[in-house]
Structures are given as structure tokens and as C-alpha cells.
Amino acid sequence: MVNENIAKKERKFTGVVVSAAMTKTIVAKVDTMKLHSKYKKFYKVSRKYHIHDAKGEAKVGDKIKFVECRPLSKTKRWRLTEITK
């Protein structure tokens, strides 16, 4: 039996759209800063995510917010929530 009172923590990210060539799918790049364990310097790490955009609203260069969802395809596990140009 699943306990309905336990809320699963949603993973949320903010990124920039780098590709909108596919139908209902966009690719966004998320930049994060990490601290090097030995040298204690910050460095930038980038990662791309395939995001489901049902309405096709997002364009290249838009800032967006997206959350984790069920797998929609082999690479799509994210859903667009907001465009925050």
C-alpha cells in the first residue's frame, strides 16, 4: 500500500532553450557552478535536457523553468512549466 501523505520532492531547473527544431520537444542547457575538491575553485558545468513542450511556445534563447515527470520517450523526462524570458 502506498502512503499518500509522503510527498515526493520535485526536481526543478531553470535553463536556456538551445534548440526548438523538434515538434513538442525543446532542448535546454542548464549551467551549474561546482567547487573543485582540491583547489577550492568554482567551475562551470553545463548539461542539456530534452523537455516536453506540448503547445510549442518556447523559442531559442528563452529562459524557461521545467520539472521532472514520467518518462515520455527515450530521452524526455521533463515537462515545461513556465517561460520566463
PDB file of N, CA and C in Angstrom:
ATOM      1  N   MET A   1       0.843  -1.187   0.000  1.00  0.00           N
ATOM      2  CA  MET A   1       0.000   0.000   0.000  1.00  0.00           C
ATOM      3  C   MET A   1       0.883   1.244   0.000  1.00  0.00           C
ATOM      4  N   VAL A   2       0.542   2.199  -0.824  1.00  0.00           N
ATOM      5  CA  VAL A   2       1.318   3.425  -0.948  1.00  0.00           C
ATOM      6  C   VAL A   2       0.770   4.462   0.018  1.00  0.00           C
ATOM      7  N   ASN A   3       1.674   5.062   0.770  1.00  0.00           N
ATOM      8  CA  ASN A   3       1.270   6.113   1.696  1.00  0.00           C
ATOM      9  C   ASN A   3       1.138   7.415   0.916  1.00  0.00           C
ATOM     10  N   GLU A   4      -0.068   7.963   0.843  1.00  0.00           N
ATOM     11  CA  GLU A   4      -0.322   9.167   0.061  1.00  0.00           C
ATOM     12  C   GLU A   4       0.134  10.439   0.762  1.00  0.00           C
ATOM     13  N   ASN A   5       0.455  10.361   2.039  1.00  0.00           N
ATOM     14  CA  ASN A   5       0.875  11.547   2.779  1.00  0.00           C
ATOM     15  C   ASN A   5       2.320  11.935   2.500  1.00  0.00           C
ATOM     16  N   ILE A   6       3.104  10.989   1.998  1.00  0.00           N
ATOM     17  CA  ILE A   6       4.502  11.284   1.704  1.00  0.00           C
ATOM     18  C   ILE A   6       4.573  11.970   0.351  1.00  0.00           C
ATOM     19  N   ALA A   7       5.062  13.201   0.351  1.00  0.00           N
ATOM     20  CA  ALA A   7       5.162  13.972  -0.883  1.00  0.00           C
ATOM     21  C   ALA A   7       6.551  13.772  -1.482  1.00  0.00           C
ATOM     22  N   LYS A   8       6.587  13.422  -2.770  1.00  0.00           N
ATOM     23  CA  LYS A   8       7.858  13.260  -3.454  1.00  0.00           C
ATOM     24  C   LYS A   8       8.389  14.639  -3.828  1.00  0.00           C
ATOM     25  N   LYS A   9       9.662  14.863  -3.569  1.00  0.00           N
ATOM     26  CA  LYS A   9      10.274  16.145  -3.876  1.00  0.00           C
ATOM     27  C   LYS A   9      10.494  16.254  -5.383  1.00  0.00           C
ATOM     28  N   GLU A  10       9.936  17.295  -5.999  1.00  0.00           N
ATOM     29  CA  GLU A  10      10.074  17.507  -7.428  1.00  0.00           C
ATOM     30  C   GLU A  10      11.409  18.162  -7.727  1.00  0.00           C
ATOM     31  N   ARG A  11      12.059  17.688  -8.767  1.00  0.00           N
ATOM     32  CA  ARG A  11      13.295  18.320  -9.217  1.00  0.00           C
ATOM     33  C   ARG A  11      12.920  19.431 -10.183  1.00  0.00           C
ATOM     34  N   LYS A  12      13.378  20.652  -9.907  1.00  0.00           N
ATOM     35  CA  LYS A  12      13.062  21.812 -10.726  1.00  0.00           C
ATOM     36  C   LYS A  12      14.356  22.453 -11.208  1.00  0.00           C
ATOM     37  N   PHE A  13      14.357  22.900 -12.470  1.00  0.00           N
ATOM     38  CA  PHE A  13      15.527  23.546 -13.030  1.00  0.00           C
ATOM     39  C   PHE A  13      15.122  24.782 -13.812  1.00  0.00           C
ATOM     40  N   THR A  14      16.081  25.670 -14.006  1.00  0.00           N
ATOM     41  CA  THR A  14      15.924  26.846 -14.848  1.00  0.00           C
ATOM     42  C   THR A  14      17.041  26.797 -15.886  1.00  0.00           C
ATOM     43  N   GLY A  15      16.691  26.991 -17.153  1.00  0.00           N
ATOM     44  CA  GLY A  15      17.692  26.912 -18.206  1.00  0.00           C
ATOM     45  C   GLY A  15      17.346  27.786 -19.391  1.00  0.00           C
ATOM     46  N   VAL A  16      18.172  27.682 -20.428  1.00  0.00           N
ATOM     47  CA  VAL A  16      18.004  28.463 -21.644  1.00  0.00           C
ATOM     48  C   VAL A  16      17.799  27.504 -22.808  1.00  0.00           C
ATOM     49  N   VAL A  17      16.798  27.788 -23.644  1.00  0.00           N
ATOM     50  CA  VAL A  17      16.488  26.930 -24.792  1.00  0.00           C
ATOM     51  C   VAL A  17      17.591  27.090 -25.842  1.00  0.00           C
ATOM     52  N   VAL A  18      18.168  25.954 -26.256  1.00  0.00           N
ATOM     53  CA  VAL A  18      19.209  25.975 -27.283  1.00  0.00           C
ATOM     54  C   VAL A  18      18.724  25.378 -28.600  1.00  0.00           C
ATOM     55  N   SER A  19      17.617  24.614 -28.562  1.00  0.00           N
ATOM     56  CA  SER A  19      17.070  24.043 -29.783  1.00  0.00           C
ATOM     57  C   SER A  19      15.563  23.870 -29.640  1.00  0.00           C
ATOM     58  N   ALA A  20      14.837  24.247 -30.707  1.00  0.00           N
ATOM     59  CA  ALA A  20      13.384  24.065 -30.741  1.00  0.00           C
ATOM     60  C   ALA A  20      12.982  23.494 -32.090  1.00  0.00           C
ATOM     61  N   ALA A  21      13.839  22.683 -32.685  1.00  0.00           N
ATOM     62  CA  ALA A  21      13.608  22.167 -34.039  1.00  0.00           C
ATOM     63  C   ALA A  21      12.631  21.000 -34.068  1.00  0.00           C
ATOM     64  N   MET A  22      12.492  20.258 -32.967  1.00  0.00           N
ATOM     65  CA  MET A  22      11.600  19.103 -32.931  1.00  0.00           C
ATOM     66  C   MET A  22      10.181  19.538 -32.578  1.00  0.00           C
ATOM     67  N   THR A  23       9.195  18.729 -32.947  1.00  0.00           N
ATOM     68  CA  THR A  23       7.822  19.042 -32.597  1.00  0.00           C
ATOM     69  C   THR A  23       7.557  18.589 -31.169  1.00  0.00           C
ATOM     70  N   LYS A  24       6.992  19.465 -30.355  1.00  0.00           N
ATOM     71  CA  LYS A  24       6.639  19.215 -28.957  1.00  0.00           C
ATOM     72  C   LYS A  24       7.838  18.888 -28.063  1.00  0.00           C
ATOM     73  N   THR A  25       9.046  19.146 -28.538  1.00  0.00           N
ATOM     74  CA  THR A  25      10.245  18.889 -27.742  1.00  0.00           C
ATOM     75  C   THR A  25      11.211  20.045 -27.904  1.00  0.00           C
ATOM     76  N   ILE A  26      11.784  20.491 -26.789  1.00  0.00           N
ATOM     77  CA  ILE A  26      12.831  21.506 -26.824  1.00  0.00           C
ATOM     78  C   ILE A  26      14.036  20.972 -26.062  1.00  0.00           C
ATOM     79  N   VAL A  27      15.192  21.539 -26.367  1.00  0.00           N
ATOM     80  CA  VAL A  27      16.419  21.175 -25.668  1.00  0.00           C
ATOM     81  C   VAL A  27      16.886  22.422 -24.926  1.00  0.00           C
ATOM     82  N   ALA A  28      17.120  22.272 -23.617  1.00  0.00           N
ATOM     83  CA  ALA A  28      17.550  23.398 -22.801  1.00  0.00           C
ATOM     84  C   ALA A  28      18.883  23.078 -22.146  1.00  0.00           C
ATOM     85  N   LYS A  29      19.704  24.108 -21.981  1.00  0.00           N
ATOM     86  CA  LYS A  29      21.001  23.963 -21.335  1.00  0.00           C
ATOM     87  C   LYS A  29      20.924  24.574 -19.947  1.00  0.00           C
ATOM     88  N   VAL A  30      21.394  23.817 -18.951  1.00  0.00           N
ATOM     89  CA  VAL A  30      21.419  24.286 -17.568  1.00  0.00           C
ATOM     90  C   VAL A  30      22.872  24.379 -17.128  1.00  0.00           C
ATOM     91  N   ASP A  31      23.280  25.554 -16.669  1.00  0.00           N
ATOM     92  CA  ASP A  31      24.636  25.771 -16.169  1.00  0.00           C
ATOM     93  C   ASP A  31      24.623  25.762 -14.649  1.00  0.00           C
ATOM     94  N   THR A  32      25.543  25.011 -14.062  1.00  0.00           N
ATOM     95  CA  THR A  32      25.699  24.999 -12.610  1.00  0.00           C
ATOM     96  C   THR A  32      27.155  25.244 -12.270  1.00  0.00           C
ATOM     97  N   MET A  33      27.391  25.784 -11.084  1.00  0.00           N
ATOM     98  CA  MET A  33      28.744  26.027 -10.606  1.00  0.00           C
ATOM     99  C   MET A  33      29.087  24.963  -9.577  1.00  0.00           C
ATOM    100  N   LYS A  34      30.247  24.328  -9.740  1.00  0.00           N
ATOM    101  CA  LYS A  34      30.703  23.307  -8.809  1.00  0.00           C
ATOM    102  C   LYS A  34      32.018  23.751  -8.189  1.00  0.00           C
ATOM    103  N   LEU A  35      32.278  23.264  -7.008  1.00  0.00           N
ATOM    104  CA  LEU A  35      33.506  23.587  -6.304  1.00  0.00           C
ATOM    105  C   LEU A  35      34.487  22.434  -6.441  1.00  0.00           C
ATOM    106  N   HIS A  36      35.694  22.739  -6.889  1.00  0.00           N
ATOM    107  CA  HIS A  36      36.715  21.713  -7.021  1.00  0.00           C
ATOM    108  C   HIS A  36      37.160  21.270  -5.633  1.00  0.00           C
ATOM    109  N   SER A  37      37.229  19.951  -5.426  1.00  0.00           N
ATOM    110  CA  SER A  37      37.502  19.434  -4.085  1.00  0.00           C
ATOM    111  C   SER A  37      38.910  19.747  -3.603  1.00  0.00           C
ATOM    112  N   LYS A  38      39.887  19.759  -4.481  1.00  0.00           N
ATOM    113  CA  LYS A  38      41.273  20.001  -4.062  1.00  0.00           C
ATOM    114  C   LYS A  38      41.652  21.479  -4.108  1.00  0.00           C
ATOM    115  N   TYR A  39      41.323  22.140  -5.214  1.00  0.00           N
ATOM    116  CA  TYR A  39      41.785  23.521  -5.418  1.00  0.00           C
ATOM    117  C   TYR A  39      40.815  24.577  -4.928  1.00  0.00           C
ATOM    118  N   LYS A  40      39.619  24.178  -4.507  1.00  0.00           N
ATOM    119  CA  LYS A  40      38.624  25.104  -3.951  1.00  0.00           C
ATOM    120  C   LYS A  40      38.279  26.250  -4.898  1.00  0.00           C
ATOM    121  N   LYS A  41      38.283  25.962  -6.183  1.00  0.00           N
ATOM    122  CA  LYS A  41      37.883  26.952  -7.181  1.00  0.00           C
ATOM    123  C   LYS A  41      36.565  26.506  -7.784  1.00  0.00           C
ATOM    124  N   PHE A  42      35.743  27.470  -8.177  1.00  0.00           N
ATOM    125  CA  PHE A  42      34.480  27.159  -8.826  1.00  0.00           C
ATOM    126  C   PHE A  42      34.690  27.007 -10.331  1.00  0.00           C
ATOM    127  N   TYR A  43      33.976  26.050 -10.922  1.00  0.00           N
ATOM    128  CA  TYR A  43      33.998  25.865 -12.361  1.00  0.00           C
ATOM    129  C   TYR A  43      32.577  25.585 -12.840  1.00  0.00           C
ATOM    130  N   LYS A  44      32.350  25.900 -14.112  1.00  0.00           N
ATOM    131  CA  LYS A  44      31.006  25.792 -14.675  1.00  0.00           C
ATOM    132  C   LYS A  44      30.807  24.428 -15.329  1.00  0.00           C
ATOM    133  N   VAL A  45      29.656  23.811 -15.047  1.00  0.00           N
ATOM    134  CA  VAL A  45      29.279  22.546 -15.648  1.00  0.00           C
ATOM    135  C   VAL A  45      27.948  22.760 -16.374  1.00  0.00           C
ATOM    136  N   SER A  46      27.888  22.347 -17.641  1.00  0.00           N
ATOM    137  CA  SER A  46      26.674  22.501 -18.437  1.00  0.00           C
ATOM    138  C   SER A  46      26.083  21.136 -18.740  1.00  0.00           C
ATOM    139  N   ARG A  47      24.755  21.077 -18.780  1.00  0.00           N
ATOM    140  CA  ARG A  47      24.067  19.834 -19.127  1.00  0.00           C
ATOM    141  C   ARG A  47      22.823  20.174 -19.938  1.00  0.00           C
ATOM    142  N   LYS A  48      22.508  19.337 -20.924  1.00  0.00           N
ATOM    143  CA  LYS A  48      21.337  19.563 -21.767  1.00  0.00           C
ATOM    144  C   LYS A  48      20.231  18.593 -21.385  1.00  0.00           C
ATOM    145  N   TYR A  49      18.997  19.089 -21.427  1.00  0.00           N
ATOM    146  CA  TYR A  49      17.821  18.289 -21.105  1.00  0.00           C
ATOM    147  C   TYR A  49      16.817  18.390 -22.241  1.00  0.00           C
ATOM    148  N   HIS A  50      16.169  17.266 -22.581  1.00  0.00           N
ATOM    149  CA  HIS A  50      15.061  17.244 -23.540  1.00  0.00           C
ATOM    150  C   HIS A  50      13.774  17.450 -22.754  1.00  0.00           C
ATOM    151  N   ILE A  51      12.991  18.443 -23.153  1.00  0.00           N
ATOM    152  CA  ILE A  51      11.818  18.863 -22.387  1.00  0.00           C
ATOM    153  C   ILE A  51      10.580  18.819 -23.277  1.00  0.00           C
ATOM    154  N   HIS A  52       9.466  18.328 -22.709  1.00  0.00           N
ATOM    155  CA  HIS A  52       8.198  18.258 -23.425  1.00  0.00           C
ATOM    156  C   HIS A  52       7.529  19.627 -23.416  1.00  0.00           C
ATOM    157  N   ASP A  53       7.287  20.167 -24.602  1.00  0.00           N
ATOM    158  CA  ASP A  53       6.604  21.451 -24.780  1.00  0.00           C
ATOM    159  C   ASP A  53       5.371  21.181 -25.635  1.00  0.00           C
ATOM    160  N   ALA A  54       4.242  20.875 -24.983  1.00  0.00           N
ATOM    161  CA  ALA A  54       3.034  20.435 -25.684  1.00  0.00           C
ATOM    162  C   ALA A  54       2.493  21.486 -26.649  1.00  0.00           C
ATOM    163  N   LYS A  55       2.556  22.759 -26.265  1.00  0.00           N
ATOM    164  CA  LYS A  55       1.995  23.822 -27.099  1.00  0.00           C
ATOM    165  C   LYS A  55       2.992  24.379 -28.109  1.00  0.00           C
ATOM    166  N   GLY A  56       4.263  24.088 -27.949  1.00  0.00           N
ATOM    167  CA  GLY A  56       5.283  24.596 -28.867  1.00  0.00           C
ATOM    168  C   GLY A  56       5.526  26.079 -28.725  1.00  0.00           C
ATOM    169  N   GLU A  57       5.445  26.608 -27.513  1.00  0.00           N
ATOM    170  CA  GLU A  57       5.580  28.049 -27.269  1.00  0.00           C
ATOM    171  C   GLU A  57       7.023  28.529 -27.173  1.00  0.00           C
ATOM    172  N   ALA A  58       7.914  27.706 -26.643  1.00  0.00           N
ATOM    173  CA  ALA A  58       9.282  28.141 -26.365  1.00  0.00           C
ATOM    174  C   ALA A  58      10.096  28.274 -27.649  1.00  0.00           C
ATOM    175  N   LYS A  59      10.899  29.311 -27.714  1.00  0.00           N
ATOM    176  CA  LYS A  59      11.774  29.576 -28.851  1.00  0.00           C
ATOM    177  C   LYS A  59      13.230  29.576 -28.368  1.00  0.00           C
ATOM    178  N   VAL A  60      14.147  29.521 -29.300  1.00  0.00           N
ATOM    179  CA  VAL A  60      15.574  29.517 -28.969  1.00  0.00           C
ATOM    180  C   VAL A  60      15.932  30.829 -28.277  1.00  0.00           C
ATOM    181  N   GLY A  61      16.637  30.727 -27.150  1.00  0.00           N
ATOM    182  CA  GLY A  61      17.053  31.901 -26.389  1.00  0.00           C
ATOM    183  C   GLY A  61      16.163  32.229 -25.210  1.00  0.00           C
ATOM    184  N   ASP A  62      14.988  31.605 -25.118  1.00  0.00           N
ATOM    185  CA  ASP A  62      14.072  31.857 -23.995  1.00  0.00           C
ATOM    186  C   ASP A  62      14.611  31.220 -22.716  1.00  0.00           C
ATOM    187  N   LYS A  63      14.383  31.911 -21.589  1.00  0.00           N
ATOM    188  CA  LYS A  63      14.664  31.314 -20.291  1.00  0.00           C
ATOM    189  C   LYS A  63      13.408  30.583 -19.847  1.00  0.00           C
ATOM    190  N   ILE A  64      13.583  29.344 -19.367  1.00  0.00           N
ATOM    191  CA  ILE A  64      12.429  28.523 -19.008  1.00  0.00           C
ATOM    192  C   ILE A  64      12.635  27.857 -17.656  1.00  0.00           C
ATOM    193  N   LYS A  65      11.513  27.415 -17.080  1.00  0.00           N
ATOM    194  CA  LYS A  65      11.526  26.595 -15.875  1.00  0.00           C
ATOM    195  C   LYS A  65      10.871  25.271 -16.235  1.00  0.00           C
ATOM    196  N   PHE A  66      11.436  24.167 -15.745  1.00  0.00           N
ATOM    197  CA  PHE A  66      10.875  22.854 -16.038  1.00  0.00           C
ATOM    198  C   PHE A  66      11.046  21.925 -14.847  1.00  0.00           C
ATOM    199  N   VAL A  67      10.178  20.897 -14.801  1.00  0.00           N
ATOM    200  CA  VAL A  67      10.166  19.955 -13.687  1.00  0.00           C
ATOM    201  C   VAL A  67      10.233  18.529 -14.220  1.00  0.00           C
ATOM    202  N   GLU A  68      10.580  17.614 -13.329  1.00  0.00           N
ATOM    203  CA  GLU A  68      10.664  16.204 -13.669  1.00  0.00           C
ATOM    204  C   GLU A  68       9.269  15.607 -13.788  1.00  0.00           C
ATOM    205  N   CYS A  69       9.104  14.666 -14.708  1.00  0.00           N
ATOM    206  CA  CYS A  69       7.828  13.974 -14.879  1.00  0.00           C
ATOM    207  C   CYS A  69       8.099  12.523 -15.276  1.00  0.00           C
ATOM    208  N   ARG A  70       7.054  11.801 -15.580  1.00  0.00           N
ATOM    209  CA  ARG A  70       7.211  10.414 -16.002  1.00  0.00           C
ATOM    210  C   ARG A  70       7.937  10.369 -17.348  1.00  0.00           C
ATOM    211  N   PRO A  71       8.582   9.256 -17.701  1.00  0.00           N
ATOM    212  CA  PRO A  71       9.248   9.163 -18.996  1.00  0.00           C
ATOM    213  C   PRO A  71       8.247   9.273 -20.156  1.00  0.00           C
ATOM    214  N   LEU A  72       8.502  10.213 -21.048  1.00  0.00           N
ATOM    215  CA  LEU A  72       7.640  10.419 -22.209  1.00  0.00           C
ATOM    216  C   LEU A  72       8.236   9.795 -23.472  1.00  0.00           C
ATOM    217  N   SER A  73       9.544   9.617 -23.490  1.00  0.00           N
ATOM    218  CA  SER A  73      10.222   8.947 -24.590  1.00  0.00           C
ATOM    219  C   SER A  73      11.564   8.450 -24.051  1.00  0.00           C
ATOM    220  N   LYS A  74      12.447   8.033 -24.939  1.00  0.00           N
ATOM    221  CA  LYS A  74      13.744   7.515 -24.504  1.00  0.00           C
ATOM    222  C   LYS A  74      14.569   8.573 -23.766  1.00  0.00           C
ATOM    223  N   THR A  75      14.492   9.819 -24.203  1.00  0.00           N
ATOM    224  CA  THR A  75      15.307  10.875 -23.593  1.00  0.00           C
ATOM    225  C   THR A  75      14.499  11.934 -22.845  1.00  0.00           C
ATOM    226  N   LYS A  76      13.180  11.997 -23.056  1.00  0.00           N
ATOM    227  CA  LYS A  76      12.361  13.041 -22.427  1.00  0.00           C
ATOM    228  C   LYS A  76      11.815  12.582 -21.085  1.00  0.00           C
ATOM    229  N   ARG A  77      12.245  13.264 -20.015  1.00  0.00           N
ATOM    230  CA  ARG A  77      11.736  13.011 -18.669  1.00  0.00           C
ATOM    231  C   ARG A  77      11.394  14.322 -17.956  1.00  0.00           C
ATOM    232  N   TRP A  78      11.215  15.390 -18.724  1.00  0.00           N
ATOM    233  CA  TRP A  78      10.991  16.719 -18.161  1.00  0.00           C
ATOM    234  C   TRP A  78       9.809  17.375 -18.845  1.00  0.00           C
ATOM    235  N   ARG A  79       9.122  18.265 -18.122  1.00  0.00           N
ATOM    236  CA  ARG A  79       7.935  18.960 -18.623  1.00  0.00           C
ATOM    237  C   ARG A  79       8.099  20.451 -18.399  1.00  0.00           C
ATOM    238  N   LEU A  80       7.792  21.237 -19.410  1.00  0.00           N
ATOM    239  CA  LEU A  80       7.888  22.694 -19.340  1.00  0.00           C
ATOM    240  C   LEU A  80       6.803  23.239 -18.422  1.00  0.00           C
ATOM    241  N   THR A  81       7.172  24.144 -17.501  1.00  0.00           N
ATOM    242  CA  THR A  81       6.180  24.749 -16.621  1.00  0.00           C
ATOM    243  C   THR A  81       5.985  26.232 -16.902  1.00  0.00           C
ATOM    244  N   GLU A  82       7.061  26.935 -17.267  1.00  0.00           N
ATOM    245  CA  GLU A  82       6.942  28.389 -17.408  1.00  0.00           C
ATOM    246  C   GLU A  82       8.032  28.917 -18.312  1.00  0.00           C
ATOM    247  N   ILE A  83       7.686  29.946 -19.106  1.00  0.00           N
ATOM    248  CA  ILE A  83       8.670  30.658 -19.907  1.00  0.00           C
ATOM    249  C   ILE A  83       8.882  32.009 -19.238  1.00  0.00           C
ATOM    250  N   THR A  84      10.129  32.284 -18.833  1.00  0.00           N
ATOM    251  CA  THR A  84      10.424  33.500 -18.069  1.00  0.00           C
ATOM    252  C   THR A  84      11.427  34.379 -18.803  1.00  0.00           C
ATOM    253  N   LYS A  85      11.196  34.646 -20.054  1.00  0.00           N
ATOM    254  CA  LYS A  85      12.112  35.407 -20.918  1.00  0.00           C
ATOM    255  C   LYS A  85      13.003  36.235 -20.084  1.00  0.00           C
TER     256      LYS A  85
END
